[in-house]
């Protein structure tokens, strides 16, 4: 098994276009770009994710670990206070965390999705 080393992840330009977010709350809808990363020997869903400004609902059932490489946004979990997020922040979201993303400046993150037990 070899180690994957992605240099200067924040500066990568060859991300795949992934279209609009699934549950937009703004016009125009946020646009996604990304790259899937395979971690050999695991079933983890991981990669680099980028989202243009706007609002949308997070509906992911998996737990998620993310490190924000660039951008500025707010995430408001359903029924809870908003969380201000900036480049350099790391978040650990439990399974089935839902809420609203408000992307003010394009966000790029590295993420790992973990299936709940």
Protein backbone atom coordinates (compact mmCIF):
# COMPACT_ATOMS: atom_id res chain seq x y z
CA UNK A 1 0.00 0.00 0.00
CA UNK A 2 1.45 3.38 -0.96
CA UNK A 3 0.98 6.75 0.69
CA UNK A 4 -0.84 9.38 -1.34
CA UNK A 5 0.78 12.78 -1.02
CA UNK A 6 -1.14 15.66 -2.54
CA UNK A 7 1.02 18.75 -2.47
CA UNK A 8 -0.60 22.15 -1.90
CA UNK A 9 -4.17 20.83 -1.98
CA UNK A 10 -5.49 24.36 -1.67
CA UNK A 11 -3.96 25.27 -5.04
CA UNK A 12 -5.09 22.30 -7.18
CA UNK A 13 -6.88 23.52 -10.31
CA UNK A 14 -7.90 20.26 -12.01
CA UNK A 15 -11.05 19.47 -10.03
CA UNK A 16 -14.01 17.77 -11.73
CA UNK A 17 -17.16 19.82 -12.33
CA UNK A 18 -19.98 18.23 -10.31
CA UNK A 19 -22.86 20.58 -11.08
CA UNK A 20 -25.24 22.27 -8.65
CA UNK A 21 -25.75 21.26 -5.01
CA UNK A 22 -28.59 18.73 -4.50
CA UNK A 23 -30.75 20.94 -2.24
CA UNK A 24 -30.16 24.61 -3.20
CA UNK A 25 -31.67 27.45 -1.15
CA UNK A 26 -30.33 30.30 -3.30
CA UNK A 27 -30.33 31.45 -6.92
CA UNK A 28 -28.19 30.70 -8.71
CA UNK A 29 -27.56 27.37 -7.00
CA UNK A 30 -24.10 26.78 -5.55
CA UNK A 31 -21.83 24.89 -7.95
CA UNK A 32 -19.61 22.01 -6.87
CA UNK A 33 -16.19 20.85 -8.03
CA UNK A 34 -14.11 18.08 -6.57
CA UNK A 35 -11.83 15.11 -6.72
CA UNK A 36 -12.50 11.71 -5.19
CA UNK A 37 -9.62 10.16 -3.26
CA UNK A 38 -9.48 6.40 -2.78
CA UNK A 39 -7.92 5.16 0.44
CA UNK A 40 -6.86 1.57 -0.34
CA UNK A 41 -8.09 -1.05 2.11
CA UNK A 42 -11.04 1.06 3.33
CA UNK A 43 -14.59 1.86 2.31
CA UNK A 44 -14.14 5.53 3.20
CA UNK A 45 -15.47 8.17 0.83
CA UNK A 46 -12.84 10.90 0.76
CA UNK A 47 -11.70 13.75 -1.41
CA UNK A 48 -11.37 17.43 -2.13
CA UNK A 49 -14.61 19.43 -2.34
CA UNK A 50 -15.19 22.98 -3.50
CA UNK A 51 -18.41 24.99 -3.41
CA UNK A 52 -19.23 28.41 -4.85
CA UNK A 53 -21.16 31.03 -2.82
CA UNK A 54 -24.82 30.53 -1.96
CA UNK A 55 -27.02 28.54 0.43
CA UNK A 56 -28.03 24.87 0.50
CA UNK A 57 -29.21 22.12 2.85
CA UNK A 58 -26.77 19.49 4.06
CA UNK A 59 -28.45 16.09 3.88
CA UNK A 60 -25.54 13.67 4.25
CA UNK A 61 -26.22 10.63 6.45
CA UNK A 62 -22.55 9.80 7.02
CA UNK A 63 -20.33 11.21 9.75
CA UNK A 64 -17.77 13.59 8.30
CA UNK A 65 -14.34 14.90 9.15
CA UNK A 66 -13.38 17.99 7.16
CA UNK A 67 -10.55 20.48 7.10
CA UNK A 68 -11.31 23.84 5.46
CA UNK A 69 -8.49 24.87 3.14
CA UNK A 70 -9.96 28.16 1.98
CA UNK A 71 -13.13 30.20 2.07
CA UNK A 72 -15.64 31.54 4.54
CA UNK A 73 -19.08 30.27 5.48
CA UNK A 74 -21.60 29.57 8.20
CA UNK A 75 -23.16 26.20 8.97
CA UNK A 76 -26.37 26.25 10.97
CA UNK A 77 -27.25 22.77 12.29
CA UNK A 78 -31.00 22.18 12.52
CA UNK A 79 -32.23 23.48 15.87
CA UNK A 80 -28.83 24.84 16.93
CA UNK A 81 -26.75 28.02 16.77
CA UNK A 82 -24.79 28.94 13.62
CA UNK A 83 -21.10 28.00 13.42
CA UNK A 84 -18.76 30.48 11.72
CA UNK A 85 -16.17 28.61 9.63
CA UNK A 86 -12.96 29.94 8.11
CA UNK A 87 -9.90 28.59 6.30
CA UNK A 88 -7.82 26.52 8.72
CA UNK A 89 -10.81 25.18 10.70
CA UNK A 90 -11.47 21.45 11.16
CA UNK A 91 -14.94 20.02 11.81
CA UNK A 92 -16.09 16.60 13.03
CA UNK A 93 -19.77 16.09 12.18
CA UNK A 94 -21.75 13.20 13.68
CA UNK A 95 -23.87 10.97 11.41
CA UNK A 96 -27.09 12.51 10.05
CA UNK A 97 -26.05 16.10 10.79
CA UNK A 98 -28.43 18.28 8.79
CA UNK A 99 -28.66 22.03 8.48
CA UNK A 100 -27.94 24.95 6.17
CA UNK A 101 -24.62 25.93 4.62
CA UNK A 102 -24.24 29.63 3.78
CA UNK A 103 -21.12 29.95 1.64
CA UNK A 104 -19.96 33.58 1.51
CA UNK A 105 -16.59 33.00 -0.16
CA UNK A 106 -15.85 29.83 -2.19
CA UNK A 107 -15.04 27.00 0.22
CA UNK A 108 -12.53 24.24 -0.46
CA UNK A 109 -12.15 21.37 1.97
CA UNK A 110 -10.57 17.97 2.35
CA UNK A 111 -13.12 15.50 3.70
CA UNK A 112 -13.60 11.92 4.80
CA UNK A 113 -17.12 10.47 5.09
CA UNK A 114 -17.54 7.66 7.59
CA UNK A 115 -20.52 5.32 7.49
CA UNK A 116 -22.44 5.12 10.79
CA UNK A 117 -22.38 1.84 12.76
